[in-house]
Amino acid sequence: MKKTILISLIVVLVVAGIGYFLKQRQEEQQAAQKVYTEVKKGLLMILEKYNKGVEKVEFLQQYEEAKHKIIKREHK
């Protein structure tokens, strides 16, 4: 009788331990997913700003090229 109670107690403790471990793991995965989502949003925002900057630099480069062509024509 005592042996059966002891085995039952051990089984309950093992099952509770496994349950606790799985719950902790799930919470860690959810936290990691949240961090990933926030980092992804931040990087997308940076990429958007970077692309706007690149467009402006390209426009300035075209402007400079046109200006140099006009200046060369005026000096001839």
PDB file of N, CA and C in Angstrom:
ATOM      1  N   MET A   1       0.820  -1.187   0.000  1.00  0.00           N
ATOM      2  CA  MET A   1       0.000   0.000   0.000  1.00  0.00           C
ATOM      3  C   MET A   1       0.868   1.257   0.000  1.00  0.00           C
ATOM      4  N   LYS A   2       1.867   1.341   0.888  1.00  0.00           N
ATOM      5  CA  LYS A   2       2.747   2.497   0.937  1.00  0.00           C
ATOM      6  C   LYS A   2       3.540   2.624  -0.361  1.00  0.00           C
ATOM      7  N   LYS A   3       3.894   1.475  -0.936  1.00  0.00           N
ATOM      8  CA  LYS A   3       4.653   1.469  -2.173  1.00  0.00           C
ATOM      9  C   LYS A   3       3.813   2.066  -3.308  1.00  0.00           C
ATOM     10  N   THR A   4       2.543   1.759  -3.366  1.00  0.00           N
ATOM     11  CA  THR A   4       1.644   2.273  -4.395  1.00  0.00           C
ATOM     12  C   THR A   4       1.481   3.786  -4.244  1.00  0.00           C
ATOM     13  N   ILE A   5       1.349   4.250  -3.037  1.00  0.00           N
ATOM     14  CA  ILE A   5       1.214   5.689  -2.788  1.00  0.00           C
ATOM     15  C   ILE A   5       2.501   6.405  -3.185  1.00  0.00           C
ATOM     16  N   LEU A   6       3.628   5.818  -2.874  1.00  0.00           N
ATOM     17  CA  LEU A   6       4.921   6.408  -3.218  1.00  0.00           C
ATOM     18  C   LEU A   6       5.092   6.485  -4.737  1.00  0.00           C
ATOM     19  N   ILE A   7       4.750   5.443  -5.445  1.00  0.00           N
ATOM     20  CA  ILE A   7       4.837   5.422  -6.911  1.00  0.00           C
ATOM     21  C   ILE A   7       3.883   6.458  -7.499  1.00  0.00           C
ATOM     22  N   SER A   8       2.677   6.536  -6.973  1.00  0.00           N
ATOM     23  CA  SER A   8       1.700   7.522  -7.454  1.00  0.00           C
ATOM     24  C   SER A   8       2.214   8.934  -7.236  1.00  0.00           C
ATOM     25  N   LEU A   9       2.799   9.182  -6.087  1.00  0.00           N
ATOM     26  CA  LEU A   9       3.352  10.498  -5.783  1.00  0.00           C
ATOM     27  C   LEU A   9       4.490  10.851  -6.731  1.00  0.00           C
ATOM     28  N   ILE A  10       5.343   9.891  -7.011  1.00  0.00           N
ATOM     29  CA  ILE A  10       6.456  10.116  -7.949  1.00  0.00           C
ATOM     30  C   ILE A  10       5.923  10.423  -9.341  1.00  0.00           C
ATOM     31  N   VAL A  11       4.917   9.664  -9.786  1.00  0.00           N
ATOM     32  CA  VAL A  11       4.327   9.890 -11.111  1.00  0.00           C
ATOM     33  C   VAL A  11       3.716  11.287 -11.175  1.00  0.00           C
ATOM     34  N   VAL A  12       2.997  11.687 -10.135  1.00  0.00           N
ATOM     35  CA  VAL A  12       2.383  13.017 -10.107  1.00  0.00           C
ATOM     36  C   VAL A  12       3.454  14.104 -10.165  1.00  0.00           C
ATOM     37  N   LEU A  13       4.525  13.930  -9.394  1.00  0.00           N
ATOM     38  CA  LEU A  13       5.603  14.917  -9.407  1.00  0.00           C
ATOM     39  C   LEU A  13       6.285  15.003 -10.766  1.00  0.00           C
ATOM     40  N   VAL A  14       6.513  13.868 -11.406  1.00  0.00           N
ATOM     41  CA  VAL A  14       7.142  13.855 -12.736  1.00  0.00           C
ATOM     42  C   VAL A  14       6.239  14.552 -13.753  1.00  0.00           C
ATOM     43  N   VAL A  15       4.946  14.236 -13.725  1.00  0.00           N
ATOM     44  CA  VAL A  15       4.000  14.851 -14.658  1.00  0.00           C
ATOM     45  C   VAL A  15       3.925  16.362 -14.408  1.00  0.00           C
ATOM     46  N   ALA A  16       3.874  16.769 -13.126  1.00  0.00           N
ATOM     47  CA  ALA A  16       3.841  18.194 -12.787  1.00  0.00           C
ATOM     48  C   ALA A  16       5.121  18.881 -13.257  1.00  0.00           C
ATOM     49  N   GLY A  17       6.258  18.237 -13.087  1.00  0.00           N
ATOM     50  CA  GLY A  17       7.535  18.797 -13.538  1.00  0.00           C
ATOM     51  C   GLY A  17       7.577  18.973 -15.045  1.00  0.00           C
ATOM     52  N   ILE A  18       7.094  17.981 -15.762  1.00  0.00           N
ATOM     53  CA  ILE A  18       7.052  18.072 -17.229  1.00  0.00           C
ATOM     54  C   ILE A  18       6.116  19.195 -17.649  1.00  0.00           C
ATOM     55  N   GLY A  19       4.961  19.281 -17.003  1.00  0.00           N
ATOM     56  CA  GLY A  19       4.012  20.353 -17.309  1.00  0.00           C
ATOM     57  C   GLY A  19       4.608  21.725 -17.070  1.00  0.00           C
ATOM     58  N   TYR A  20       5.307  21.886 -15.949  1.00  0.00           N
ATOM     59  CA  TYR A  20       5.945  23.161 -15.628  1.00  0.00           C
ATOM     60  C   TYR A  20       7.011  23.508 -16.665  1.00  0.00           C
ATOM     61  N   PHE A  21       7.813  22.525 -17.035  1.00  0.00           N
ATOM     62  CA  PHE A  21       8.863  22.734 -18.028  1.00  0.00           C
ATOM     63  C   PHE A  21       8.264  23.168 -19.366  1.00  0.00           C
ATOM     64  N   LEU A  22       7.192  22.494 -19.792  1.00  0.00           N
ATOM     65  CA  LEU A  22       6.567  22.842 -21.067  1.00  0.00           C
ATOM     66  C   LEU A  22       5.948  24.235 -21.031  1.00  0.00           C
ATOM     67  N   LYS A  23       5.364  24.602 -19.891  1.00  0.00           N
ATOM     68  CA  LYS A  23       4.783  25.936 -19.758  1.00  0.00           C
ATOM     69  C   LYS A  23       5.871  27.002 -19.831  1.00  0.00           C
ATOM     70  N   GLN A  24       6.987  26.785 -19.153  1.00  0.00           N
ATOM     71  CA  GLN A  24       8.105  27.727 -19.189  1.00  0.00           C
ATOM     72  C   GLN A  24       8.629  27.882 -20.612  1.00  0.00           C
ATOM     73  N   ARG A  25       8.754  26.771 -21.287  1.00  0.00           N
ATOM     74  CA  ARG A  25       9.259  26.799 -22.668  1.00  0.00           C
ATOM     75  C   ARG A  25       8.318  27.573 -23.576  1.00  0.00           C
ATOM     76  N   GLN A  26       7.027  27.371 -23.412  1.00  0.00           N
ATOM     77  CA  GLN A  26       6.038  28.079 -24.221  1.00  0.00           C
ATOM     78  C   GLN A  26       6.114  29.587 -23.947  1.00  0.00           C
ATOM     79  N   GLU A  27       6.262  29.973 -22.688  1.00  0.00           N
ATOM     80  CA  GLU A  27       6.362  31.392 -22.344  1.00  0.00           C
ATOM     81  C   GLU A  27       7.624  32.011 -22.941  1.00  0.00           C
ATOM     82  N   GLU A  28       8.724  31.267 -22.932  1.00  0.00           N
ATOM     83  CA  GLU A  28       9.967  31.758 -23.533  1.00  0.00           C
ATOM     84  C   GLU A  28       9.811  31.942 -25.042  1.00  0.00           C
ATOM     85  N   GLN A  29       9.133  31.007 -25.680  1.00  0.00           N
ATOM     86  CA  GLN A  29       8.922  31.105 -27.122  1.00  0.00           C
ATOM     87  C   GLN A  29       8.023  32.299 -27.453  1.00  0.00           C
ATOM     88  N   GLN A  30       7.009  32.542 -26.638  1.00  0.00           N
ATOM     89  CA  GLN A  30       6.137  33.689 -26.867  1.00  0.00           C
ATOM     90  C   GLN A  30       6.900  34.996 -26.683  1.00  0.00           C
ATOM     91  N   ALA A  31       7.758  35.054 -25.674  1.00  0.00           N
ATOM     92  CA  ALA A  31       8.569  36.256 -25.454  1.00  0.00           C
ATOM     93  C   ALA A  31       9.532  36.475 -26.619  1.00  0.00           C
ATOM     94  N   ALA A  32      10.138  35.401 -27.084  1.00  0.00           N
ATOM     95  CA  ALA A  32      11.059  35.505 -28.219  1.00  0.00           C
ATOM     96  C   ALA A  32      10.319  35.951 -29.471  1.00  0.00           C
ATOM     97  N   GLN A  33       9.119  35.461 -29.678  1.00  0.00           N
ATOM     98  CA  GLN A  33       8.318  35.861 -30.834  1.00  0.00           C
ATOM     99  C   GLN A  33       7.969  37.343 -30.761  1.00  0.00           C
ATOM    100  N   LYS A  34       7.655  37.822 -29.566  1.00  0.00           N
ATOM    101  CA  LYS A  34       7.332  39.241 -29.390  1.00  0.00           C
ATOM    102  C   LYS A  34       8.547  40.109 -29.708  1.00  0.00           C
ATOM    103  N   VAL A  35       9.712  39.713 -29.206  1.00  0.00           N
ATOM    104  CA  VAL A  35      10.942  40.460 -29.482  1.00  0.00           C
ATOM    105  C   VAL A  35      11.231  40.447 -30.974  1.00  0.00           C
ATOM    106  N   TYR A  36      11.083  39.296 -31.613  1.00  0.00           N
ATOM    107  CA  TYR A  36      11.312  39.182 -33.057  1.00  0.00           C
ATOM    108  C   TYR A  36      10.394  40.131 -33.828  1.00  0.00           C
ATOM    109  N   THR A  37       9.130  40.177 -33.453  1.00  0.00           N
ATOM    110  CA  THR A  37       8.163  41.035 -34.136  1.00  0.00           C
ATOM    111  C   THR A  37       8.542  42.503 -33.983  1.00  0.00           C
ATOM    112  N   GLU A  38       8.960  42.907 -32.786  1.00  0.00           N
ATOM    113  CA  GLU A  38       9.344  44.298 -32.557  1.00  0.00           C
ATOM    114  C   GLU A  38      10.607  44.656 -33.347  1.00  0.00           C
ATOM    115  N   VAL A  39      11.577  43.767 -33.359  1.00  0.00           N
ATOM    116  CA  VAL A  39      12.809  44.016 -34.120  1.00  0.00           C
ATOM    117  C   VAL A  39      12.498  44.105 -35.604  1.00  0.00           C
ATOM    118  N   LYS A  40      11.630  43.235 -36.084  1.00  0.00           N
ATOM    119  CA  LYS A  40      11.250  43.244 -37.499  1.00  0.00           C
ATOM    120  C   LYS A  40      10.583  44.564 -37.864  1.00  0.00           C
ATOM    121  N   LYS A  41       9.678  45.049 -37.013  1.00  0.00           N
ATOM    122  CA  LYS A  41       9.025  46.335 -37.281  1.00  0.00           C
ATOM    123  C   LYS A  41      10.047  47.460 -37.323  1.00  0.00           C
ATOM    124  N   GLY A  42      10.990  47.445 -36.394  1.00  0.00           N
ATOM    125  CA  GLY A  42      12.024  48.474 -36.374  1.00  0.00           C
ATOM    126  C   GLY A  42      12.900  48.445 -37.617  1.00  0.00           C
ATOM    127  N   LEU A  43      13.291  47.260 -38.028  1.00  0.00           N
ATOM    128  CA  LEU A  43      14.130  47.144 -39.227  1.00  0.00           C
ATOM    129  C   LEU A  43      13.380  47.559 -40.481  1.00  0.00           C
ATOM    130  N   LEU A  44      12.096  47.243 -40.562  1.00  0.00           N
ATOM    131  CA  LEU A  44      11.304  47.675 -41.715  1.00  0.00           C
ATOM    132  C   LEU A  44      11.187  49.199 -41.757  1.00  0.00           C
ATOM    133  N   MET A  45      11.058  49.816 -40.594  1.00  0.00           N
ATOM    134  CA  MET A  45      10.991  51.273 -40.537  1.00  0.00           C
ATOM    135  C   MET A  45      12.318  51.880 -40.990  1.00  0.00           C
ATOM    136  N   ILE A  46      13.433  51.305 -40.532  1.00  0.00           N
ATOM    137  CA  ILE A  46      14.745  51.786 -40.955  1.00  0.00           C
ATOM    138  C   ILE A  46      14.911  51.619 -42.462  1.00  0.00           C
ATOM    139  N   LEU A  47      14.487  50.490 -42.987  1.00  0.00           N
ATOM    140  CA  LEU A  47      14.596  50.237 -44.418  1.00  0.00           C
ATOM    141  C   LEU A  47      13.790  51.252 -45.217  1.00  0.00           C
ATOM    142  N   GLU A  48      12.606  51.568 -44.734  1.00  0.00           N
ATOM    143  CA  GLU A  48      11.763  52.545 -45.420  1.00  0.00           C
ATOM    144  C   GLU A  48      12.452  53.914 -45.460  1.00  0.00           C
ATOM    145  N   LYS A  49      13.006  54.344 -44.330  1.00  0.00           N
ATOM    146  CA  LYS A  49      13.708  55.637 -44.266  1.00  0.00           C
ATOM    147  C   LYS A  49      14.956  55.610 -45.147  1.00  0.00           C
ATOM    148  N   TYR A  50      15.657  54.495 -45.143  1.00  0.00           N
ATOM    149  CA  TYR A  50      16.862  54.359 -45.973  1.00  0.00           C
ATOM    150  C   TYR A  50      16.514  54.489 -47.449  1.00  0.00           C
ATOM    151  N   ASN A  51      15.441  53.813 -47.866  1.00  0.00           N
ATOM    152  CA  ASN A  51      15.048  53.873 -49.272  1.00  0.00           C
ATOM    153  C   ASN A  51      14.658  55.290 -49.684  1.00  0.00           C
ATOM    154  N   LYS A  52      13.995  56.034 -48.793  1.00  0.00           N
ATOM    155  CA  LYS A  52      13.672  57.430 -49.101  1.00  0.00           C
ATOM    156  C   LYS A  52      14.944  58.242 -49.266  1.00  0.00           C
ATOM    157  N   GLY A  53      15.924  57.997 -48.423  1.00  0.00           N
ATOM    158  CA  GLY A  53      17.192  58.708 -48.516  1.00  0.00           C
ATOM    159  C   GLY A  53      17.920  58.393 -49.812  1.00  0.00           C
ATOM    160  N   VAL A  54      17.900  57.134 -50.204  1.00  0.00           N
ATOM    161  CA  VAL A  54      18.555  56.723 -51.454  1.00  0.00           C
ATOM    162  C   VAL A  54      17.892  57.411 -52.641  1.00  0.00           C
ATOM    163  N   GLU A  55      16.570  57.502 -52.629  1.00  0.00           N
ATOM    164  CA  GLU A  55      15.856  58.177 -53.719  1.00  0.00           C
ATOM    165  C   GLU A  55      16.299  59.639 -53.809  1.00  0.00           C
ATOM    166  N   LYS A  56      16.428  60.302 -52.676  1.00  0.00           N
ATOM    167  CA  LYS A  56      16.838  61.706 -52.675  1.00  0.00           C
ATOM    168  C   LYS A  56      18.270  61.866 -53.165  1.00  0.00           C
ATOM    169  N   VAL A  57      19.149  60.947 -52.791  1.00  0.00           N
ATOM    170  CA  VAL A  57      20.538  61.009 -53.247  1.00  0.00           C
ATOM    171  C   VAL A  57      20.595  60.800 -54.756  1.00  0.00           C
ATOM    172  N   GLU A  58      19.798  59.882 -55.269  1.00  0.00           N
ATOM    173  CA  GLU A  58      19.759  59.662 -56.716  1.00  0.00           C
ATOM    174  C   GLU A  58      19.277  60.914 -57.445  1.00  0.00           C
ATOM    175  N   PHE A  59      18.265  61.580 -56.871  1.00  0.00           N
ATOM    176  CA  PHE A  59      17.771  62.805 -57.473  1.00  0.00           C
ATOM    177  C   PHE A  59      18.860  63.874 -57.480  1.00  0.00           C
ATOM    178  N   LEU A  60      19.575  64.011 -56.359  1.00  0.00           N
ATOM    179  CA  LEU A  60      20.658  64.996 -56.289  1.00  0.00           C
ATOM    180  C   LEU A  60      21.769  64.676 -57.284  1.00  0.00           C
ATOM    181  N   GLN A  61      22.048  63.400 -57.462  1.00  0.00           N
ATOM    182  CA  GLN A  61      23.089  62.999 -58.412  1.00  0.00           C
ATOM    183  C   GLN A  61      22.667  63.380 -59.835  1.00  0.00           C
ATOM    184  N   GLN A  62      21.407  63.158 -60.182  1.00  0.00           N
ATOM    185  CA  GLN A  62      20.913  63.539 -61.509  1.00  0.00           C
ATOM    186  C   GLN A  62      20.977  65.052 -61.677  1.00  0.00           C
ATOM    187  N   TYR A  63      20.646  65.778 -60.620  1.00  0.00           N
ATOM    188  CA  TYR A  63      20.705  67.238 -60.653  1.00  0.00           C
ATOM    189  C   TYR A  63      22.137  67.704 -60.898  1.00  0.00           C
ATOM    190  N   GLU A  64      23.087  67.118 -60.184  1.00  0.00           N
ATOM    191  CA  GLU A  64      24.493  67.492 -60.349  1.00  0.00           C
ATOM    192  C   GLU A  64      24.977  67.197 -61.771  1.00  0.00           C
ATOM    193  N   GLU A  65      24.593  66.063 -62.308  1.00  0.00           N
ATOM    194  CA  GLU A  65      25.002  65.711 -63.671  1.00  0.00           C
ATOM    195  C   GLU A  65      24.434  66.710 -64.672  1.00  0.00           C
ATOM    196  N   ALA A  66      23.177  67.073 -64.518  1.00  0.00           N
ATOM    197  CA  ALA A  66      22.552  68.050 -65.415  1.00  0.00           C
ATOM    198  C   ALA A  66      23.234  69.411 -65.269  1.00  0.00           C
ATOM    199  N   LYS A  67      23.539  69.797 -64.027  1.00  0.00           N
ATOM    200  CA  LYS A  67      24.195  71.083 -63.784  1.00  0.00           C
ATOM    201  C   LYS A  67      25.561  71.124 -64.454  1.00  0.00           C
ATOM    202  N   HIS A  68      26.318  70.044 -64.377  1.00  0.00           N
ATOM    203  CA  HIS A  68      27.649  70.004 -65.003  1.00  0.00           C
ATOM    204  C   HIS A  68      27.540  70.076 -66.523  1.00  0.00           C
ATOM    205  N   LYS A  69      26.514  69.457 -67.083  1.00  0.00           N
ATOM    206  CA  LYS A  69      26.321  69.532 -68.538  1.00  0.00           C
ATOM    207  C   LYS A  69      26.017  70.962 -68.955  1.00  0.00           C
ATOM    208  N   ILE A  70      25.189  71.654 -68.184  1.00  0.00           N
ATOM    209  CA  ILE A  70      24.838  73.044 -68.503  1.00  0.00           C
ATOM    210  C   ILE A  70      26.063  73.941 -68.366  1.00  0.00           C
ATOM    211  N   ILE A  71      26.837  73.744 -67.313  1.00  0.00           N
ATOM    212  CA  ILE A  71      28.029  74.565 -67.094  1.00  0.00           C
ATOM    213  C   ILE A  71      29.039  74.345 -68.215  1.00  0.00           C
ATOM    214  N   LYS A  72      29.201  73.098 -68.663  1.00  0.00           N
ATOM    215  CA  LYS A  72      30.148  72.815 -69.762  1.00  0.00           C
ATOM    216  C   LYS A  72      29.691  73.502 -71.038  1.00  0.00           C
ATOM    217  N   ARG A  73      28.368  73.508 -71.321  1.00  0.00           N
ATOM    218  CA  ARG A  73      27.853  74.173 -72.536  1.00  0.00           C
ATOM    219  C   ARG A  73      28.071  75.681 -72.480  1.00  0.00           C
ATOM    220  N   GLU A  74      27.913  76.246 -71.286  1.00  0.00           N
ATOM    221  CA  GLU A  74      28.068  77.695 -71.157  1.00  0.00           C
ATOM    222  C   GLU A  74      29.514  78.133 -71.350  1.00  0.00           C
ATOM    223  N   HIS A  75      30.464  77.274 -71.017  1.00  0.00           N
ATOM    224  CA  HIS A  75      31.873  77.625 -71.134  1.00  0.00           C
ATOM    225  C   HIS A  75      32.404  77.437 -72.549  1.00  0.00           C
ATOM    226  N   LYS A  76      31.685  76.778 -73.391  1.00  0.00           N
ATOM    227  CA  LYS A  76      32.166  76.535 -74.776  1.00  0.00           C
ATOM    228  C   LYS A  76      31.985  77.708 -75.660  1.00  0.00           C
TER     229      LYS A  76
END
